N, C-alpha and C. Protein backbone atom coordinates (compact mmCIF):
# COMPACT_ATOMS: atom_id res chain seq x y z
N MET A 1 207.99 44.61 -44.36
CA MET A 1 208.91 45.41 -45.13
C MET A 1 210.26 44.71 -45.13
N THR A 2 210.86 44.61 -46.26
CA THR A 2 212.13 43.92 -46.36
C THR A 2 213.22 44.77 -45.74
N GLN A 3 214.23 44.13 -45.21
CA GLN A 3 215.32 44.83 -44.55
C GLN A 3 216.45 45.04 -45.54
N GLY A 4 216.92 46.28 -45.66
CA GLY A 4 218.02 46.57 -46.55
C GLY A 4 219.34 46.53 -45.81
N THR A 5 220.40 46.89 -46.51
CA THR A 5 221.71 46.94 -45.90
C THR A 5 221.77 48.14 -44.98
N PRO A 6 222.24 47.99 -43.75
CA PRO A 6 222.31 49.12 -42.83
C PRO A 6 223.15 50.25 -43.42
N GLY A 7 222.69 51.49 -43.23
CA GLY A 7 223.44 52.62 -43.74
C GLY A 7 224.67 52.88 -42.90
N LYS A 8 225.48 53.82 -43.36
CA LYS A 8 226.71 54.15 -42.65
C LYS A 8 226.35 54.64 -41.25
N GLY A 9 226.95 54.08 -40.26
CA GLY A 9 226.70 54.50 -38.90
C GLY A 9 225.55 53.78 -38.23
N ALA A 10 224.76 53.03 -39.01
CA ALA A 10 223.62 52.33 -38.44
C ALA A 10 224.08 50.98 -37.90
N ALA A 11 223.51 50.61 -36.77
CA ALA A 11 223.89 49.33 -36.17
C ALA A 11 223.27 48.18 -36.96
N ALA A 12 224.07 47.16 -37.26
CA ALA A 12 223.55 46.00 -37.96
C ALA A 12 222.61 45.24 -37.03
N PRO A 13 221.58 44.60 -37.61
CA PRO A 13 220.65 43.82 -36.77
C PRO A 13 221.41 42.73 -36.01
N THR A 14 221.08 42.55 -34.75
CA THR A 14 221.70 41.51 -33.96
C THR A 14 221.03 40.17 -34.27
N LEU A 15 221.64 39.10 -33.77
CA LEU A 15 221.04 37.78 -33.93
C LEU A 15 219.65 37.75 -33.30
N TRP A 16 219.50 38.41 -32.17
CA TRP A 16 218.20 38.47 -31.49
C TRP A 16 217.17 39.19 -32.37
N ASP A 17 217.60 40.30 -32.99
CA ASP A 17 216.70 41.05 -33.88
C ASP A 17 216.25 40.17 -35.04
N ARG A 18 217.21 39.48 -35.65
CA ARG A 18 216.88 38.64 -36.81
C ARG A 18 215.97 37.49 -36.41
N THR A 19 216.20 36.92 -35.24
CA THR A 19 215.35 35.84 -34.76
C THR A 19 213.92 36.32 -34.55
N ARG A 20 213.78 37.50 -33.96
CA ARG A 20 212.45 38.08 -33.74
C ARG A 20 211.75 38.35 -35.08
N GLN A 21 212.50 38.86 -36.05
CA GLN A 21 211.91 39.15 -37.36
C GLN A 21 211.42 37.87 -38.03
N LEU A 22 212.23 36.82 -37.94
CA LEU A 22 211.84 35.55 -38.54
C LEU A 22 210.61 34.96 -37.85
N ALA A 23 210.58 35.07 -36.52
CA ALA A 23 209.43 34.55 -35.77
C ALA A 23 208.16 35.32 -36.13
N ALA A 24 208.28 36.64 -36.23
CA ALA A 24 207.11 37.46 -36.59
C ALA A 24 206.62 37.13 -37.98
N GLN A 25 207.55 36.92 -38.91
CA GLN A 25 207.16 36.57 -40.29
C GLN A 25 206.47 35.21 -40.34
N GLU A 26 206.95 34.26 -39.55
CA GLU A 26 206.34 32.94 -39.51
C GLU A 26 204.91 33.02 -38.98
N ILE A 27 204.71 33.79 -37.93
CA ILE A 27 203.37 33.97 -37.37
C ILE A 27 202.47 34.65 -38.39
N LEU A 28 202.98 35.69 -39.04
CA LEU A 28 202.20 36.44 -40.02
C LEU A 28 201.80 35.55 -41.20
N GLN A 29 202.75 34.79 -41.73
CA GLN A 29 202.45 33.92 -42.87
C GLN A 29 201.43 32.86 -42.50
N THR A 30 201.55 32.33 -41.29
CA THR A 30 200.59 31.33 -40.82
C THR A 30 199.19 31.94 -40.73
N ALA A 31 199.12 33.14 -40.16
CA ALA A 31 197.83 33.81 -40.01
C ALA A 31 197.19 34.10 -41.36
N LEU A 32 197.96 34.61 -42.30
CA LEU A 32 197.41 34.93 -43.61
C LEU A 32 196.91 33.68 -44.33
N ARG A 33 197.66 32.57 -44.16
CA ARG A 33 197.23 31.31 -44.78
C ARG A 33 195.89 30.86 -44.20
N LEU A 34 195.77 30.90 -42.89
CA LEU A 34 194.53 30.46 -42.25
C LEU A 34 193.37 31.40 -42.58
N PHE A 35 193.63 32.71 -42.57
CA PHE A 35 192.58 33.67 -42.90
C PHE A 35 192.06 33.42 -44.31
N THR A 36 192.99 33.17 -45.23
CA THR A 36 192.62 32.95 -46.63
C THR A 36 191.85 31.64 -46.80
N GLN A 37 192.27 30.61 -46.08
CA GLN A 37 191.65 29.29 -46.23
C GLN A 37 190.27 29.21 -45.60
N GLN A 38 190.10 29.81 -44.43
CA GLN A 38 188.85 29.58 -43.71
C GLN A 38 188.13 30.85 -43.27
N GLY A 39 188.71 32.04 -43.57
CA GLY A 39 188.06 33.29 -43.22
C GLY A 39 188.67 33.92 -41.98
N TYR A 40 188.67 35.24 -41.95
CA TYR A 40 189.25 35.96 -40.82
C TYR A 40 188.49 35.71 -39.53
N ASP A 41 187.17 35.90 -39.58
CA ASP A 41 186.36 35.77 -38.37
C ASP A 41 186.34 34.34 -37.84
N GLU A 42 186.53 33.37 -38.73
CA GLU A 42 186.47 31.96 -38.33
C GLU A 42 187.79 31.46 -37.75
N THR A 43 188.84 32.24 -37.91
CA THR A 43 190.17 31.83 -37.43
C THR A 43 190.44 32.44 -36.05
N THR A 44 190.87 31.62 -35.11
CA THR A 44 191.13 32.10 -33.76
C THR A 44 192.62 32.32 -33.52
N ILE A 45 192.91 33.17 -32.56
CA ILE A 45 194.30 33.40 -32.16
C ILE A 45 194.93 32.10 -31.69
N ALA A 46 194.17 31.30 -30.96
CA ALA A 46 194.69 30.02 -30.46
C ALA A 46 195.12 29.12 -31.61
N GLN A 47 194.33 29.11 -32.67
CA GLN A 47 194.67 28.27 -33.82
C GLN A 47 195.93 28.78 -34.52
N ILE A 48 196.02 30.10 -34.68
CA ILE A 48 197.21 30.68 -35.32
C ILE A 48 198.46 30.34 -34.52
N ALA A 49 198.39 30.51 -33.22
CA ALA A 49 199.54 30.23 -32.35
C ALA A 49 199.94 28.76 -32.45
N ARG A 50 198.95 27.88 -32.42
CA ARG A 50 199.23 26.45 -32.48
C ARG A 50 199.89 26.09 -33.81
N GLU A 51 199.35 26.61 -34.91
CA GLU A 51 199.91 26.30 -36.24
C GLU A 51 201.31 26.87 -36.42
N ALA A 52 201.56 28.04 -35.78
CA ALA A 52 202.87 28.68 -35.91
C ALA A 52 203.89 28.11 -34.93
N GLY A 53 203.41 27.28 -33.98
CA GLY A 53 204.31 26.65 -33.03
C GLY A 53 204.77 27.57 -31.92
N VAL A 54 203.89 28.53 -31.55
CA VAL A 54 204.22 29.44 -30.45
C VAL A 54 203.04 29.50 -29.49
N SER A 55 203.27 30.06 -28.31
CA SER A 55 202.18 30.24 -27.36
C SER A 55 201.40 31.50 -27.73
N GLN A 56 200.17 31.61 -27.23
CA GLN A 56 199.39 32.81 -27.48
C GLN A 56 200.08 34.03 -26.86
N ARG A 57 200.70 33.83 -25.73
CA ARG A 57 201.42 34.94 -25.08
C ARG A 57 202.54 35.46 -25.97
N THR A 58 203.28 34.53 -26.58
CA THR A 58 204.34 34.93 -27.50
C THR A 58 203.78 35.66 -28.70
N LEU A 59 202.69 35.16 -29.25
CA LEU A 59 202.07 35.81 -30.41
C LEU A 59 201.71 37.25 -30.09
N PHE A 60 201.15 37.48 -28.91
CA PHE A 60 200.73 38.83 -28.54
C PHE A 60 201.92 39.75 -28.25
N ARG A 61 203.11 39.18 -28.06
CA ARG A 61 204.30 40.03 -27.91
C ARG A 61 204.68 40.64 -29.25
N TYR A 62 204.38 39.92 -30.33
CA TYR A 62 204.69 40.42 -31.66
C TYR A 62 203.54 41.23 -32.26
N PHE A 63 202.33 40.81 -32.01
CA PHE A 63 201.15 41.44 -32.58
C PHE A 63 200.14 41.69 -31.45
N GLY A 64 199.85 42.95 -31.20
CA GLY A 64 199.02 43.30 -30.06
C GLY A 64 197.58 42.87 -30.16
N ALA A 65 197.09 42.67 -31.37
CA ALA A 65 195.69 42.28 -31.57
C ALA A 65 195.59 41.46 -32.85
N LYS A 66 194.52 40.72 -32.98
CA LYS A 66 194.30 39.89 -34.16
C LYS A 66 194.32 40.74 -35.43
N GLU A 67 193.72 41.91 -35.37
CA GLU A 67 193.66 42.80 -36.53
C GLU A 67 195.06 43.20 -37.01
N ASP A 68 196.03 43.29 -36.06
CA ASP A 68 197.39 43.70 -36.41
C ASP A 68 198.06 42.72 -37.36
N LEU A 69 197.55 41.49 -37.42
CA LEU A 69 198.11 40.49 -38.32
C LEU A 69 197.77 40.78 -39.78
N ILE A 70 196.85 41.72 -40.00
CA ILE A 70 196.47 42.08 -41.36
C ILE A 70 197.12 43.39 -41.79
N GLY A 71 196.85 44.45 -41.06
CA GLY A 71 197.33 45.75 -41.51
C GLY A 71 198.28 46.45 -40.58
N GLY A 72 198.74 45.76 -39.54
CA GLY A 72 199.58 46.41 -38.56
C GLY A 72 198.74 47.23 -37.60
N SER A 73 199.35 47.67 -36.52
CA SER A 73 198.60 48.43 -35.53
C SER A 73 198.22 49.79 -36.07
N GLU A 74 197.15 50.36 -35.50
CA GLU A 74 196.71 51.69 -35.93
C GLU A 74 197.81 52.72 -35.69
N GLU A 75 198.48 52.62 -34.53
CA GLU A 75 199.53 53.59 -34.21
C GLU A 75 200.65 53.54 -35.25
N ARG A 76 201.03 52.34 -35.64
CA ARG A 76 202.12 52.20 -36.61
C ARG A 76 201.71 52.78 -37.97
N PHE A 77 200.47 52.51 -38.37
CA PHE A 77 199.96 52.99 -39.65
C PHE A 77 199.92 54.52 -39.68
N VAL A 78 199.34 55.10 -38.65
CA VAL A 78 199.21 56.56 -38.60
C VAL A 78 200.58 57.22 -38.51
N THR A 79 201.44 56.67 -37.67
CA THR A 79 202.78 57.25 -37.51
C THR A 79 203.57 57.18 -38.80
N LEU A 80 203.49 56.05 -39.51
CA LEU A 80 204.23 55.91 -40.76
C LEU A 80 203.81 56.97 -41.77
N LEU A 81 202.50 57.15 -41.96
CA LEU A 81 202.04 58.11 -42.95
C LEU A 81 202.36 59.55 -42.55
N THR A 82 202.12 59.89 -41.28
CA THR A 82 202.38 61.27 -40.87
C THR A 82 203.87 61.59 -40.88
N GLU A 83 204.71 60.65 -40.44
CA GLU A 83 206.15 60.92 -40.44
C GLU A 83 206.69 61.01 -41.86
N THR A 84 206.14 60.21 -42.78
CA THR A 84 206.59 60.30 -44.17
C THR A 84 206.26 61.66 -44.74
N VAL A 85 205.07 62.15 -44.48
CA VAL A 85 204.68 63.48 -44.97
C VAL A 85 205.53 64.56 -44.30
N ARG A 86 205.73 64.45 -43.00
CA ARG A 86 206.50 65.46 -42.26
C ARG A 86 207.94 65.54 -42.74
N ASN A 87 208.51 64.42 -43.17
CA ASN A 87 209.92 64.37 -43.52
C ASN A 87 210.20 64.61 -45.01
N GLN A 88 209.20 65.06 -45.75
CA GLN A 88 209.43 65.37 -47.16
C GLN A 88 210.34 66.58 -47.31
N PRO A 89 211.14 66.62 -48.36
CA PRO A 89 212.05 67.76 -48.56
C PRO A 89 211.29 69.08 -48.70
N ALA A 90 211.96 70.16 -48.37
CA ALA A 90 211.36 71.49 -48.51
C ALA A 90 210.93 71.70 -49.96
N GLY A 91 209.78 72.30 -50.12
CA GLY A 91 209.28 72.57 -51.47
C GLY A 91 208.36 71.49 -52.01
N THR A 92 208.25 70.35 -51.29
CA THR A 92 207.36 69.29 -51.73
C THR A 92 205.90 69.73 -51.56
N GLY A 93 205.08 69.49 -52.57
CA GLY A 93 203.68 69.87 -52.50
C GLY A 93 202.85 68.82 -51.78
N ALA A 94 201.62 69.19 -51.47
CA ALA A 94 200.73 68.29 -50.73
C ALA A 94 200.49 66.98 -51.47
N TRP A 95 200.22 67.05 -52.76
CA TRP A 95 199.90 65.83 -53.52
C TRP A 95 201.10 64.89 -53.56
N GLU A 96 202.29 65.46 -53.75
CA GLU A 96 203.50 64.63 -53.80
C GLU A 96 203.78 64.00 -52.45
N ALA A 97 203.57 64.76 -51.38
CA ALA A 97 203.82 64.24 -50.03
C ALA A 97 202.85 63.11 -49.69
N LEU A 98 201.60 63.27 -50.05
CA LEU A 98 200.61 62.22 -49.77
C LEU A 98 200.90 60.97 -50.59
N ARG A 99 201.35 61.14 -51.83
CA ARG A 99 201.71 59.98 -52.65
C ARG A 99 202.87 59.23 -52.00
N ALA A 100 203.85 59.97 -51.48
CA ALA A 100 204.99 59.34 -50.80
C ALA A 100 204.52 58.56 -49.58
N ALA A 101 203.49 59.08 -48.89
CA ALA A 101 202.95 58.38 -47.72
C ALA A 101 202.32 57.06 -48.13
N PHE A 102 201.57 57.06 -49.22
CA PHE A 102 200.96 55.81 -49.70
C PHE A 102 202.03 54.81 -50.14
N GLU A 103 203.08 55.31 -50.76
CA GLU A 103 204.18 54.42 -51.17
C GLU A 103 204.82 53.78 -49.95
N ALA A 104 204.99 54.56 -48.88
CA ALA A 104 205.56 54.02 -47.65
C ALA A 104 204.65 52.96 -47.05
N ALA A 105 203.34 53.19 -47.09
CA ALA A 105 202.39 52.21 -46.56
C ALA A 105 202.46 50.90 -47.34
N LEU A 106 202.58 51.00 -48.65
CA LEU A 106 202.66 49.80 -49.48
C LEU A 106 203.94 49.02 -49.21
N SER A 107 205.01 49.72 -48.80
CA SER A 107 206.28 49.05 -48.55
C SER A 107 206.25 48.16 -47.32
N LEU A 108 205.17 48.25 -46.52
CA LEU A 108 205.04 47.37 -45.35
C LEU A 108 204.83 45.92 -45.77
N HIS A 109 204.36 45.71 -46.99
CA HIS A 109 204.15 44.35 -47.48
C HIS A 109 205.47 43.80 -48.03
N THR A 110 205.74 42.55 -47.73
CA THR A 110 207.01 41.98 -48.17
C THR A 110 206.99 41.56 -49.63
N SER A 111 205.81 41.45 -50.24
CA SER A 111 205.70 41.07 -51.64
C SER A 111 204.33 41.47 -52.17
N PRO A 112 204.19 41.59 -53.51
CA PRO A 112 202.87 41.88 -54.08
C PRO A 112 201.85 40.80 -53.72
N GLU A 113 202.31 39.55 -53.60
CA GLU A 113 201.38 38.46 -53.27
C GLU A 113 200.82 38.64 -51.85
N GLN A 114 201.69 39.05 -50.92
CA GLN A 114 201.22 39.27 -49.56
C GLN A 114 200.27 40.46 -49.52
N ALA A 115 200.59 41.51 -50.27
CA ALA A 115 199.70 42.68 -50.33
C ALA A 115 198.34 42.28 -50.87
N LEU A 116 198.32 41.43 -51.89
CA LEU A 116 197.06 41.00 -52.49
C LEU A 116 196.22 40.23 -51.48
N GLU A 117 196.84 39.34 -50.73
CA GLU A 117 196.12 38.57 -49.71
C GLU A 117 195.53 39.49 -48.66
N ARG A 118 196.33 40.44 -48.20
CA ARG A 118 195.87 41.35 -47.15
C ARG A 118 194.73 42.24 -47.63
N PHE A 119 194.90 42.84 -48.81
CA PHE A 119 193.86 43.73 -49.32
C PHE A 119 192.56 42.98 -49.59
N ARG A 120 192.66 41.77 -50.07
CA ARG A 120 191.45 40.98 -50.29
C ARG A 120 190.71 40.74 -48.98
N LEU A 121 191.46 40.39 -47.96
CA LEU A 121 190.84 40.15 -46.65
C LEU A 121 190.17 41.41 -46.12
N VAL A 122 190.84 42.54 -46.23
CA VAL A 122 190.27 43.79 -45.74
C VAL A 122 189.01 44.16 -46.49
N HIS A 123 189.04 44.02 -47.81
CA HIS A 123 187.90 44.43 -48.63
C HIS A 123 186.72 43.48 -48.51
N HIS A 124 186.97 42.23 -48.14
CA HIS A 124 185.89 41.24 -48.12
C HIS A 124 185.48 40.81 -46.71
N THR A 125 186.08 41.44 -45.68
CA THR A 125 185.73 41.12 -44.30
C THR A 125 185.19 42.38 -43.64
N GLU A 126 183.92 42.34 -43.24
CA GLU A 126 183.26 43.55 -42.75
C GLU A 126 183.99 44.17 -41.56
N SER A 127 184.42 43.35 -40.61
CA SER A 127 185.08 43.89 -39.41
C SER A 127 186.42 44.55 -39.76
N LEU A 128 187.16 43.96 -40.68
CA LEU A 128 188.44 44.54 -41.09
C LEU A 128 188.23 45.82 -41.91
N ARG A 129 187.20 45.81 -42.73
CA ARG A 129 186.89 47.00 -43.53
C ARG A 129 186.54 48.17 -42.61
N ALA A 130 185.74 47.89 -41.59
CA ALA A 130 185.36 48.93 -40.64
C ALA A 130 186.59 49.46 -39.90
N ALA A 131 187.49 48.56 -39.51
CA ALA A 131 188.70 48.98 -38.80
C ALA A 131 189.57 49.85 -39.70
N TYR A 132 189.68 49.47 -40.98
CA TYR A 132 190.48 50.26 -41.92
C TYR A 132 189.90 51.66 -42.08
N LEU A 133 188.58 51.75 -42.21
CA LEU A 133 187.96 53.06 -42.36
C LEU A 133 188.20 53.95 -41.14
N GLY A 134 188.22 53.32 -39.96
CA GLY A 134 188.52 54.08 -38.75
C GLY A 134 189.95 54.60 -38.77
N LYS A 135 190.89 53.77 -39.19
CA LYS A 135 192.29 54.20 -39.31
C LYS A 135 192.40 55.36 -40.30
N ARG A 136 191.68 55.22 -41.40
CA ARG A 136 191.75 56.23 -42.45
C ARG A 136 191.27 57.59 -41.96
N VAL A 137 190.15 57.60 -41.25
CA VAL A 137 189.62 58.85 -40.72
C VAL A 137 190.62 59.50 -39.77
N ARG A 138 191.18 58.70 -38.86
CA ARG A 138 192.14 59.26 -37.91
C ARG A 138 193.37 59.80 -38.63
N CYS A 139 193.83 59.04 -39.61
CA CYS A 139 195.04 59.45 -40.33
C CYS A 139 194.81 60.76 -41.08
N GLN A 140 193.64 60.90 -41.70
CA GLN A 140 193.34 62.12 -42.41
C GLN A 140 193.36 63.33 -41.47
N GLU A 141 192.81 63.16 -40.29
CA GLU A 141 192.79 64.25 -39.33
C GLU A 141 194.20 64.59 -38.84
N GLU A 142 195.05 63.57 -38.69
CA GLU A 142 196.43 63.80 -38.24
C GLU A 142 197.24 64.51 -39.32
N LEU A 143 196.88 64.29 -40.58
CA LEU A 143 197.63 64.89 -41.68
C LEU A 143 197.26 66.35 -41.93
N LEU A 144 196.09 66.75 -41.50
CA LEU A 144 195.62 68.12 -41.77
C LEU A 144 196.60 69.20 -41.30
N PRO A 145 197.07 69.16 -40.06
CA PRO A 145 197.99 70.22 -39.62
C PRO A 145 199.27 70.28 -40.45
N LEU A 146 199.72 69.13 -40.95
CA LEU A 146 200.95 69.11 -41.75
C LEU A 146 200.73 69.82 -43.08
N LEU A 147 199.56 69.62 -43.68
CA LEU A 147 199.26 70.31 -44.93
C LEU A 147 199.11 71.81 -44.69
N GLU A 148 198.44 72.16 -43.61
CA GLU A 148 198.23 73.57 -43.30
C GLU A 148 199.54 74.27 -42.96
N ALA A 149 200.52 73.51 -42.48
CA ALA A 149 201.79 74.10 -42.07
C ALA A 149 202.67 74.51 -43.24
N GLY A 150 202.27 74.18 -44.46
CA GLY A 150 203.09 74.63 -45.59
C GLY A 150 203.08 73.75 -46.81
N LEU A 151 202.56 72.51 -46.71
CA LEU A 151 202.57 71.63 -47.88
C LEU A 151 201.50 72.04 -48.89
N ALA A 152 200.34 72.46 -48.37
CA ALA A 152 199.26 72.86 -49.26
C ALA A 152 199.55 74.25 -49.84
N PRO A 153 198.93 74.60 -50.98
CA PRO A 153 199.16 75.93 -51.57
C PRO A 153 198.83 77.05 -50.58
N SER A 154 199.53 78.15 -50.71
CA SER A 154 199.32 79.30 -49.84
C SER A 154 197.86 79.73 -49.86
N GLY A 155 197.34 80.01 -48.68
CA GLY A 155 195.95 80.46 -48.58
C GLY A 155 194.95 79.34 -48.41
N THR A 156 195.42 78.10 -48.39
CA THR A 156 194.53 76.96 -48.23
C THR A 156 193.98 76.94 -46.81
N ASP A 157 192.66 76.89 -46.65
CA ASP A 157 192.08 76.83 -45.32
C ASP A 157 191.87 75.37 -44.92
N ARG A 158 191.37 75.16 -43.70
CA ARG A 158 191.23 73.78 -43.19
C ARG A 158 190.28 72.96 -44.06
N GLY A 159 189.19 73.56 -44.49
CA GLY A 159 188.25 72.82 -45.32
C GLY A 159 188.88 72.38 -46.63
N GLN A 160 189.67 73.24 -47.24
CA GLN A 160 190.34 72.88 -48.49
C GLN A 160 191.42 71.81 -48.26
N ALA A 161 192.15 71.95 -47.15
CA ALA A 161 193.16 70.94 -46.82
C ALA A 161 192.50 69.58 -46.59
N ARG A 162 191.36 69.60 -45.91
CA ARG A 162 190.63 68.36 -45.67
C ARG A 162 190.18 67.74 -46.99
N ALA A 163 189.76 68.56 -47.94
CA ALA A 163 189.33 68.06 -49.25
C ALA A 163 190.50 67.43 -50.01
N ILE A 164 191.70 68.02 -49.89
CA ILE A 164 192.88 67.46 -50.55
C ILE A 164 193.19 66.07 -49.99
N VAL A 165 193.21 65.96 -48.67
CA VAL A 165 193.52 64.67 -48.04
C VAL A 165 192.45 63.63 -48.39
N ALA A 166 191.18 64.02 -48.31
CA ALA A 166 190.10 63.08 -48.61
C ALA A 166 190.16 62.61 -50.05
N THR A 167 190.48 63.52 -50.97
CA THR A 167 190.58 63.14 -52.38
C THR A 167 191.72 62.15 -52.60
N ALA A 168 192.86 62.41 -51.96
CA ALA A 168 194.00 61.51 -52.11
C ALA A 168 193.66 60.11 -51.61
N PHE A 169 193.03 60.02 -50.44
CA PHE A 169 192.67 58.72 -49.89
C PHE A 169 191.62 58.03 -50.76
N ALA A 170 190.66 58.79 -51.28
CA ALA A 170 189.64 58.20 -52.15
C ALA A 170 190.27 57.62 -53.41
N CYS A 171 191.23 58.34 -53.98
CA CYS A 171 191.92 57.84 -55.18
C CYS A 171 192.76 56.60 -54.86
N PHE A 172 193.35 56.57 -53.67
CA PHE A 172 194.13 55.39 -53.28
C PHE A 172 193.21 54.18 -53.10
N ASP A 173 192.06 54.39 -52.48
CA ASP A 173 191.10 53.30 -52.30
C ASP A 173 190.58 52.80 -53.65
N ALA A 174 190.32 53.73 -54.57
CA ALA A 174 189.85 53.34 -55.89
C ALA A 174 190.92 52.54 -56.63
N ALA A 175 192.18 52.97 -56.48
CA ALA A 175 193.28 52.24 -57.11
C ALA A 175 193.40 50.84 -56.55
N THR A 176 193.27 50.72 -55.23
CA THR A 176 193.35 49.40 -54.60
C THR A 176 192.23 48.49 -55.06
N ALA A 177 191.01 49.03 -55.14
CA ALA A 177 189.87 48.23 -55.59
C ALA A 177 190.07 47.74 -57.02
N THR A 178 190.58 48.61 -57.87
CA THR A 178 190.84 48.22 -59.27
C THR A 178 191.93 47.17 -59.33
N TRP A 179 192.97 47.34 -58.52
CA TRP A 179 194.07 46.38 -58.49
C TRP A 179 193.57 45.00 -58.06
N LEU A 180 192.67 44.97 -57.09
CA LEU A 180 192.08 43.70 -56.65
C LEU A 180 191.25 43.07 -57.76
N GLU A 181 190.45 43.88 -58.44
CA GLU A 181 189.64 43.36 -59.55
C GLU A 181 190.52 42.75 -60.64
N ASN A 182 191.73 43.30 -60.79
CA ASN A 182 192.67 42.81 -61.81
C ASN A 182 193.58 41.71 -61.28
N ASP A 183 193.23 41.15 -60.10
CA ASP A 183 194.03 40.09 -59.49
C ASP A 183 195.49 40.47 -59.27
N GLY A 184 195.71 41.71 -58.88
CA GLY A 184 197.05 42.14 -58.55
C GLY A 184 197.93 42.49 -59.74
N GLN A 185 197.33 42.61 -60.91
CA GLN A 185 198.10 42.98 -62.09
C GLN A 185 198.31 44.49 -62.10
N GLY A 186 199.50 44.91 -62.50
CA GLY A 186 199.79 46.33 -62.56
C GLY A 186 200.33 46.85 -61.24
N ASP A 187 200.40 48.16 -61.15
CA ASP A 187 200.99 48.82 -59.99
C ASP A 187 199.95 49.74 -59.35
N ILE A 188 199.76 49.62 -58.04
CA ILE A 188 198.74 50.42 -57.35
C ILE A 188 199.03 51.91 -57.49
N LEU A 189 200.28 52.31 -57.39
CA LEU A 189 200.59 53.73 -57.48
C LEU A 189 200.35 54.28 -58.88
N ASP A 190 200.57 53.47 -59.91
CA ASP A 190 200.23 53.91 -61.27
C ASP A 190 198.71 54.12 -61.40
N LEU A 191 197.96 53.20 -60.83
CA LEU A 191 196.50 53.34 -60.84
C LEU A 191 196.08 54.57 -60.04
N TYR A 192 196.77 54.82 -58.96
CA TYR A 192 196.49 56.01 -58.14
C TYR A 192 196.74 57.28 -58.96
N ASP A 193 197.88 57.32 -59.65
CA ASP A 193 198.21 58.50 -60.45
C ASP A 193 197.16 58.75 -61.54
N ARG A 194 196.69 57.67 -62.15
CA ARG A 194 195.67 57.82 -63.21
C ARG A 194 194.36 58.32 -62.62
N GLY A 195 193.99 57.81 -61.46
CA GLY A 195 192.77 58.26 -60.82
C GLY A 195 192.85 59.72 -60.42
N LEU A 196 193.99 60.12 -59.86
CA LEU A 196 194.16 61.50 -59.44
C LEU A 196 194.14 62.43 -60.64
N ALA A 197 194.75 61.99 -61.75
CA ALA A 197 194.74 62.80 -62.96
C ALA A 197 193.31 63.00 -63.47
N ALA A 198 192.48 61.95 -63.35
CA ALA A 198 191.09 62.06 -63.79
C ALA A 198 190.32 63.07 -62.92
N VAL A 199 190.61 63.06 -61.62
CA VAL A 199 189.95 64.01 -60.71
C VAL A 199 190.38 65.43 -61.02
N HIS A 200 191.66 65.61 -61.30
CA HIS A 200 192.18 66.94 -61.60
C HIS A 200 191.71 67.43 -62.97
N GLY A 201 191.29 66.49 -63.81
CA GLY A 201 190.82 66.89 -65.14
C GLY A 201 191.95 67.28 -66.07
């Protein structure tokens, strides 16, 4: 995610912070290049560290696991989506809140090109696909109480709230798959909106 100008009262990033950000980006770019060139499963942490010019110990300080080099840690992913939904303004509906969560998730990518590389790897690597599905299931369960707490229409029970979350994620996955088929042309959220509109009829 790109860094914006600090808001009023926010501390500006220190030199140490900027150095860490640059180091993490260098490691990430190296990993994505190697994954794309030779495959995720065929690329080792040792090779990524060597190519990035850091030790494996240093690499693991920035990224806790090899999978984190693709989609970030599960905790970060789940926290980002749930906090985005939780922090929506009063009166926001469930569908709008979930769309905002997907927009926040997409903002983790520094560019459309990086997003395309990552999504391709996830969709075409069995182990990464399985990990993503696990994240998705956990995230859906974490979002349920937030919808039941007031985002979903009055009278919505747990089963209906679960259906809303599952539908939103299914439409997001469909949008991502279409975006990949189109080689990254267009906007994923526009595709999501069109898919959701088709479901709503």
